[in-house]
Amino acid sequence: MLDKLPLFIQVNLMENIIDAFEVMRNKGEEPDCDEELSNRIKWLENEIPYMGFFHEIYSCEDPFGYDKRNI
């Protein structure tokens, strides 16, 4: 089971990213990538452990810098 934990974390992160876009669509908003969504995408791209543990370490600070993404 521990071997599959990284995959589970990545799938959970992908689900959160997709959910953010689904919420925007359901509200009739244009897709926009705010700081939180940008960080989630960056964590997924760089295979950084998901925000639960990571978020506590950095106390809501953004150690990577905010990358505005065009969607």
PDB file of N, CA and C in Angstrom:
ATOM      1  N   MET A   1       0.809  -1.188   0.000  1.00  0.00           N
ATOM      2  CA  MET A   1       0.000   0.000   0.000  1.00  0.00           C
ATOM      3  C   MET A   1       0.863   1.267   0.000  1.00  0.00           C
ATOM      4  N   LEU A   2       1.955   1.249   0.723  1.00  0.00           N
ATOM      5  CA  LEU A   2       2.814   2.431   0.769  1.00  0.00           C
ATOM      6  C   LEU A   2       3.437   2.734  -0.588  1.00  0.00           C
ATOM      7  N   ASP A   3       3.637   1.703  -1.387  1.00  0.00           N
ATOM      8  CA  ASP A   3       4.173   1.913  -2.735  1.00  0.00           C
ATOM      9  C   ASP A   3       3.206   2.716  -3.597  1.00  0.00           C
ATOM     10  N   LYS A   4       1.927   2.606  -3.323  1.00  0.00           N
ATOM     11  CA  LYS A   4       0.908   3.276  -4.126  1.00  0.00           C
ATOM     12  C   LYS A   4       0.538   4.656  -3.587  1.00  0.00           C
ATOM     13  N   LEU A   5       1.087   5.034  -2.442  1.00  0.00           N
ATOM     14  CA  LEU A   5       0.761   6.326  -1.846  1.00  0.00           C
ATOM     15  C   LEU A   5       1.095   7.512  -2.757  1.00  0.00           C
ATOM     16  N   PRO A   6       2.263   7.566  -3.400  1.00  0.00           N
ATOM     17  CA  PRO A   6       2.530   8.700  -4.292  1.00  0.00           C
ATOM     18  C   PRO A   6       1.511   8.825  -5.422  1.00  0.00           C
ATOM     19  N   LEU A   7       1.076   7.704  -5.974  1.00  0.00           N
ATOM     20  CA  LEU A   7       0.060   7.725  -7.019  1.00  0.00           C
ATOM     21  C   LEU A   7      -1.262   8.266  -6.469  1.00  0.00           C
ATOM     22  N   PHE A   8      -1.647   7.820  -5.286  1.00  0.00           N
ATOM     23  CA  PHE A   8      -2.876   8.296  -4.664  1.00  0.00           C
ATOM     24  C   PHE A   8      -2.814   9.812  -4.440  1.00  0.00           C
ATOM     25  N   ILE A   9      -1.680  10.310  -3.992  1.00  0.00           N
ATOM     26  CA  ILE A   9      -1.515  11.748  -3.761  1.00  0.00           C
ATOM     27  C   ILE A   9      -1.646  12.512  -5.076  1.00  0.00           C
ATOM     28  N   GLN A  10      -1.026  12.024  -6.139  1.00  0.00           N
ATOM     29  CA  GLN A  10      -1.109  12.684  -7.444  1.00  0.00           C
ATOM     30  C   GLN A  10      -2.547  12.682  -7.979  1.00  0.00           C
ATOM     31  N   VAL A  11      -3.244  11.581  -7.834  1.00  0.00           N
ATOM     32  CA  VAL A  11      -4.631  11.496  -8.299  1.00  0.00           C
ATOM     33  C   VAL A  11      -5.510  12.452  -7.505  1.00  0.00           C
ATOM     34  N   ASN A  12      -5.291  12.526  -6.202  1.00  0.00           N
ATOM     35  CA  ASN A  12      -6.051  13.441  -5.357  1.00  0.00           C
ATOM     36  C   ASN A  12      -5.804  14.883  -5.785  1.00  0.00           C
ATOM     37  N   LEU A  13      -4.578  15.217  -6.089  1.00  0.00           N
ATOM     38  CA  LEU A  13      -4.231  16.561  -6.541  1.00  0.00           C
ATOM     39  C   LEU A  13      -4.883  16.869  -7.888  1.00  0.00           C
ATOM     40  N   MET A  14      -4.861  15.908  -8.817  1.00  0.00           N
ATOM     41  CA  MET A  14      -5.529  16.102 -10.110  1.00  0.00           C
ATOM     42  C   MET A  14      -7.027  16.319  -9.916  1.00  0.00           C
ATOM     43  N   GLU A  15      -7.622  15.572  -8.998  1.00  0.00           N
ATOM     44  CA  GLU A  15      -9.051  15.727  -8.725  1.00  0.00           C
ATOM     45  C   GLU A  15      -9.356  17.141  -8.222  1.00  0.00           C
ATOM     46  N   ASN A  16      -8.505  17.681  -7.364  1.00  0.00           N
ATOM     47  CA  ASN A  16      -8.700  19.040  -6.855  1.00  0.00           C
ATOM     48  C   ASN A  16      -8.575  20.081  -7.957  1.00  0.00           C
ATOM     49  N   ILE A  17      -7.648  19.889  -8.877  1.00  0.00           N
ATOM     50  CA  ILE A  17      -7.475  20.820  -9.998  1.00  0.00           C
ATOM     51  C   ILE A  17      -8.700  20.785 -10.901  1.00  0.00           C
ATOM     52  N   ILE A  18      -9.149  19.587 -11.231  1.00  0.00           N
ATOM     53  CA  ILE A  18     -10.331  19.441 -12.089  1.00  0.00           C
ATOM     54  C   ILE A  18     -11.559  20.021 -11.406  1.00  0.00           C
ATOM     55  N   ASP A  19     -11.695  19.793 -10.110  1.00  0.00           N
ATOM     56  CA  ASP A  19     -12.835  20.323  -9.363  1.00  0.00           C
ATOM     57  C   ASP A  19     -12.854  21.851  -9.394  1.00  0.00           C
ATOM     58  N   ALA A  20     -11.695  22.480  -9.295  1.00  0.00           N
ATOM     59  CA  ALA A  20     -11.639  23.950  -9.336  1.00  0.00           C
ATOM     60  C   ALA A  20     -12.193  24.472 -10.661  1.00  0.00           C
ATOM     61  N   PHE A  21     -11.833  23.826 -11.766  1.00  0.00           N
ATOM     62  CA  PHE A  21     -12.349  24.239 -13.072  1.00  0.00           C
ATOM     63  C   PHE A  21     -13.839  23.935 -13.210  1.00  0.00           C
ATOM     64  N   GLU A  22     -14.276  22.824 -12.633  1.00  0.00           N
ATOM     65  CA  GLU A  22     -15.692  22.473 -12.687  1.00  0.00           C
ATOM     66  C   GLU A  22     -16.531  23.500 -11.922  1.00  0.00           C
ATOM     67  N   VAL A  23     -16.046  23.944 -10.775  1.00  0.00           N
ATOM     68  CA  VAL A  23     -16.756  24.959  -9.991  1.00  0.00           C
ATOM     69  C   VAL A  23     -16.863  26.254 -10.786  1.00  0.00           C
ATOM     70  N   MET A  24     -15.763  26.657 -11.448  1.00  0.00           N
ATOM     71  CA  MET A  24     -15.802  27.872 -12.279  1.00  0.00           C
ATOM     72  C   MET A  24     -16.839  27.734 -13.386  1.00  0.00           C
ATOM     73  N   ARG A  25     -16.862  26.581 -14.035  1.00  0.00           N
ATOM     74  CA  ARG A  25     -17.816  26.349 -15.119  1.00  0.00           C
ATOM     75  C   ARG A  25     -19.247  26.404 -14.610  1.00  0.00           C
ATOM     76  N   ASN A  26     -19.508  25.761 -13.471  1.00  0.00           N
ATOM     77  CA  ASN A  26     -20.864  25.730 -12.916  1.00  0.00           C
ATOM     78  C   ASN A  26     -21.346  27.104 -12.472  1.00  0.00           C
ATOM     79  N   LYS A  27     -20.421  27.977 -12.088  1.00  0.00           N
ATOM     80  CA  LYS A  27     -20.774  29.345 -11.700  1.00  0.00           C
ATOM     81  C   LYS A  27     -20.877  30.267 -12.913  1.00  0.00           C
ATOM     82  N   GLY A  28     -20.525  29.741 -14.082  1.00  0.00           N
ATOM     83  CA  GLY A  28     -20.569  30.545 -15.300  1.00  0.00           C
ATOM     84  C   GLY A  28     -19.402  31.499 -15.427  1.00  0.00           C
ATOM     85  N   GLU A  29     -18.344  31.247 -14.690  1.00  0.00           N
ATOM     86  CA  GLU A  29     -17.152  32.099 -14.719  1.00  0.00           C
ATOM     87  C   GLU A  29     -16.209  31.650 -15.833  1.00  0.00           C
ATOM     88  N   GLU A  30     -15.403  32.583 -16.290  1.00  0.00           N
ATOM     89  CA  GLU A  30     -14.340  32.240 -17.230  1.00  0.00           C
ATOM     90  C   GLU A  30     -13.246  31.499 -16.461  1.00  0.00           C
ATOM     91  N   PRO A  31     -12.611  30.510 -17.066  1.00  0.00           N
ATOM     92  CA  PRO A  31     -11.525  29.821 -16.377  1.00  0.00           C
ATOM     93  C   PRO A  31     -10.412  30.800 -16.013  1.00  0.00           C
ATOM     94  N   ASP A  32      -9.992  30.752 -14.765  1.00  0.00           N
ATOM     95  CA  ASP A  32      -8.931  31.620 -14.285  1.00  0.00           C
ATOM     96  C   ASP A  32      -8.052  30.815 -13.345  1.00  0.00           C
ATOM     97  N   CYS A  33      -6.785  31.049 -13.406  1.00  0.00           N
ATOM     98  CA  CYS A  33      -5.835  30.313 -12.576  1.00  0.00           C
ATOM     99  C   CYS A  33      -5.304  31.248 -11.503  1.00  0.00           C
ATOM    100  N   ASP A  34      -5.911  31.177 -10.315  1.00  0.00           N
ATOM    101  CA  ASP A  34      -5.447  32.011  -9.211  1.00  0.00           C
ATOM    102  C   ASP A  34      -4.208  31.387  -8.577  1.00  0.00           C
ATOM    103  N   GLU A  35      -3.737  31.993  -7.512  1.00  0.00           N
ATOM    104  CA  GLU A  35      -2.495  31.540  -6.873  1.00  0.00           C
ATOM    105  C   GLU A  35      -2.613  30.115  -6.352  1.00  0.00           C
ATOM    106  N   GLU A  36      -3.726  29.797  -5.714  1.00  0.00           N
ATOM    107  CA  GLU A  36      -3.908  28.466  -5.152  1.00  0.00           C
ATOM    108  C   GLU A  36      -3.919  27.391  -6.245  1.00  0.00           C
ATOM    109  N   LEU A  37      -4.648  27.637  -7.311  1.00  0.00           N
ATOM    110  CA  LEU A  37      -4.718  26.681  -8.410  1.00  0.00           C
ATOM    111  C   LEU A  37      -3.363  26.561  -9.104  1.00  0.00           C
ATOM    112  N   SER A  38      -2.676  27.678  -9.270  1.00  0.00           N
ATOM    113  CA  SER A  38      -1.347  27.657  -9.878  1.00  0.00           C
ATOM    114  C   SER A  38      -0.383  26.809  -9.048  1.00  0.00           C
ATOM    115  N   ASN A  39      -0.454  26.953  -7.732  1.00  0.00           N
ATOM    116  CA  ASN A  39       0.409  26.142  -6.864  1.00  0.00           C
ATOM    117  C   ASN A  39       0.078  24.665  -6.978  1.00  0.00           C
ATOM    118  N   ARG A  40      -1.199  24.327  -7.020  1.00  0.00           N
ATOM    119  CA  ARG A  40      -1.580  22.918  -7.159  1.00  0.00           C
ATOM    120  C   ARG A  40      -1.037  22.335  -8.456  1.00  0.00           C
ATOM    121  N   ILE A  41      -1.121  23.092  -9.537  1.00  0.00           N
ATOM    122  CA  ILE A  41      -0.600  22.626 -10.814  1.00  0.00           C
ATOM    123  C   ILE A  41       0.916  22.456 -10.739  1.00  0.00           C
ATOM    124  N   LYS A  42       1.580  23.415 -10.104  1.00  0.00           N
ATOM    125  CA  LYS A  42       3.040  23.329  -9.967  1.00  0.00           C
ATOM    126  C   LYS A  42       3.437  22.113  -9.133  1.00  0.00           C
ATOM    127  N   TRP A  43       2.686  21.848  -8.048  1.00  0.00           N
ATOM    128  CA  TRP A  43       2.982  20.679  -7.225  1.00  0.00           C
ATOM    129  C   TRP A  43       2.822  19.404  -8.030  1.00  0.00           C
ATOM    130  N   LEU A  44       1.797  19.346  -8.862  1.00  0.00           N
ATOM    131  CA  LEU A  44       1.570  18.172  -9.691  1.00  0.00           C
ATOM    132  C   LEU A  44       2.681  18.018 -10.724  1.00  0.00           C
ATOM    133  N   GLU A  45       3.035  19.103 -11.391  1.00  0.00           N
ATOM    134  CA  GLU A  45       4.078  19.055 -12.417  1.00  0.00           C
ATOM    135  C   GLU A  45       5.424  18.622 -11.845  1.00  0.00           C
ATOM    136  N   ASN A  46       5.746  19.100 -10.646  1.00  0.00           N
ATOM    137  CA  ASN A  46       7.059  18.837 -10.050  1.00  0.00           C
ATOM    138  C   ASN A  46       7.052  17.694  -9.048  1.00  0.00           C
ATOM    139  N   GLU A  47       5.907  17.001  -8.949  1.00  0.00           N
ATOM    140  CA  GLU A  47       5.756  15.858  -8.054  1.00  0.00           C
ATOM    141  C   GLU A  47       6.136  16.208  -6.618  1.00  0.00           C
ATOM    142  N   ILE A  48       5.655  17.367  -6.170  1.00  0.00           N
ATOM    143  CA  ILE A  48       5.862  17.816  -4.796  1.00  0.00           C
ATOM    144  C   ILE A  48       4.716  17.258  -3.970  1.00  0.00           C
ATOM    145  N   PRO A  49       4.988  16.741  -2.780  1.00  0.00           N
ATOM    146  CA  PRO A  49       3.912  16.181  -1.957  1.00  0.00           C
ATOM    147  C   PRO A  49       2.766  17.170  -1.777  1.00  0.00           C
ATOM    148  N   TYR A  50       1.590  16.646  -1.758  1.00  0.00           N
ATOM    149  CA  TYR A  50       0.349  17.421  -1.721  1.00  0.00           C
ATOM    150  C   TYR A  50       0.279  18.354  -0.528  1.00  0.00           C
ATOM    151  N   MET A  51      -0.533  19.390  -0.662  1.00  0.00           N
ATOM    152  CA  MET A  51      -0.530  20.558   0.203  1.00  0.00           C
ATOM    153  C   MET A  51      -0.738  20.306   1.682  1.00  0.00           C
ATOM    154  N   GLY A  52      -1.395  19.247   2.117  1.00  0.00           N
ATOM    155  CA  GLY A  52      -1.643  19.072   3.537  1.00  0.00           C
ATOM    156  C   GLY A  52      -0.395  19.271   4.370  1.00  0.00           C
ATOM    157  N   PHE A  53       0.604  18.469   4.149  1.00  0.00           N
ATOM    158  CA  PHE A  53       1.867  18.566   4.878  1.00  0.00           C
ATOM    159  C   PHE A  53       2.663  19.779   4.419  1.00  0.00           C
ATOM    160  N   PHE A  54       2.750  19.956   3.131  1.00  0.00           N
ATOM    161  CA  PHE A  54       3.531  21.033   2.533  1.00  0.00           C
ATOM    162  C   PHE A  54       3.015  22.396   2.991  1.00  0.00           C
ATOM    163  N   HIS A  55       1.705  22.548   3.035  1.00  0.00           N
ATOM    164  CA  HIS A  55       1.077  23.813   3.394  1.00  0.00           C
ATOM    165  C   HIS A  55       1.413  24.197   4.842  1.00  0.00           C
ATOM    166  N   GLU A  56       1.440  23.215   5.734  1.00  0.00           N
ATOM    167  CA  GLU A  56       1.748  23.492   7.131  1.00  0.00           C
ATOM    168  C   GLU A  56       3.198  23.938   7.313  1.00  0.00           C
ATOM    169  N   ILE A  57       4.106  23.362   6.560  1.00  0.00           N
ATOM    170  CA  ILE A  57       5.525  23.709   6.684  1.00  0.00           C
ATOM    171  C   ILE A  57       5.749  25.174   6.357  1.00  0.00           C
ATOM    172  N   TYR A  58       5.118  25.636   5.295  1.00  0.00           N
ATOM    173  CA  TYR A  58       5.375  26.989   4.827  1.00  0.00           C
ATOM    174  C   TYR A  58       4.358  28.010   5.319  1.00  0.00           C
ATOM    175  N   SER A  59       3.455  27.624   6.198  1.00  0.00           N
ATOM    176  CA  SER A  59       2.489  28.534   6.813  1.00  0.00           C
ATOM    177  C   SER A  59       1.812  29.447   5.803  1.00  0.00           C
ATOM    178  N   CYS A  60       1.252  28.893   4.771  1.00  0.00           N
ATOM    179  CA  CYS A  60       0.495  29.636   3.762  1.00  0.00           C
ATOM    180  C   CYS A  60       1.371  30.546   2.907  1.00  0.00           C
ATOM    181  N   GLU A  61       2.664  30.511   3.051  1.00  0.00           N
ATOM    182  CA  GLU A  61       3.535  31.302   2.184  1.00  0.00           C
ATOM    183  C   GLU A  61       3.765  30.536   0.893  1.00  0.00           C
ATOM    184  N   ASP A  62       4.086  31.251  -0.147  1.00  0.00           N
ATOM    185  CA  ASP A  62       4.343  30.623  -1.435  1.00  0.00           C
ATOM    186  C   ASP A  62       5.848  30.594  -1.677  1.00  0.00           C
ATOM    187  N   PRO A  63       6.495  29.467  -1.404  1.00  0.00           N
ATOM    188  CA  PRO A  63       7.950  29.406  -1.539  1.00  0.00           C
ATOM    189  C   PRO A  63       8.433  29.437  -2.984  1.00  0.00           C
ATOM    190  N   PHE A  64       7.545  29.212  -3.940  1.00  0.00           N
ATOM    191  CA  PHE A  64       7.952  29.146  -5.334  1.00  0.00           C
ATOM    192  C   PHE A  64       7.720  30.441  -6.088  1.00  0.00           C
ATOM    193  N   GLY A  65       6.910  31.310  -5.550  1.00  0.00           N
ATOM    194  CA  GLY A  65       6.514  32.492  -6.314  1.00  0.00           C
ATOM    195  C   GLY A  65       5.288  32.141  -7.136  1.00  0.00           C
ATOM    196  N   TYR A  66       4.435  33.110  -7.327  1.00  0.00           N
ATOM    197  CA  TYR A  66       3.177  32.888  -8.023  1.00  0.00           C
ATOM    198  C   TYR A  66       3.391  33.012  -9.521  1.00  0.00           C
ATOM    199  N   ASP A  67       3.059  31.957 -10.259  1.00  0.00           N
ATOM    200  CA  ASP A  67       3.139  31.965 -11.718  1.00  0.00           C
ATOM    201  C   ASP A  67       1.746  32.158 -12.289  1.00  0.00           C
ATOM    202  N   LYS A  68       1.507  33.304 -12.891  1.00  0.00           N
ATOM    203  CA  LYS A  68       0.218  33.535 -13.554  1.00  0.00           C
ATOM    204  C   LYS A  68       0.163  32.638 -14.776  1.00  0.00           C
ATOM    205  N   ARG A  69      -0.882  31.851 -14.857  1.00  0.00           N
ATOM    206  CA  ARG A  69      -1.035  30.915 -15.983  1.00  0.00           C
ATOM    207  C   ARG A  69      -2.182  31.368 -16.857  1.00  0.00           C
ATOM    208  N   ASN A  70      -1.979  31.305 -18.154  1.00  0.00           N
ATOM    209  CA  ASN A  70      -3.036  31.621 -19.115  1.00  0.00           C
ATOM    210  C   ASN A  70      -3.814  30.348 -19.398  1.00  0.00           C
ATOM    211  N   ILE A  71      -5.097  30.423 -19.219  1.00  0.00           N
ATOM    212  CA  ILE A  71      -5.932  29.249 -19.419  1.00  0.00           C
ATOM    213  C   ILE A  71      -6.811  29.470 -20.623  1.00  0.00           C
TER     214      ILE A  71
END
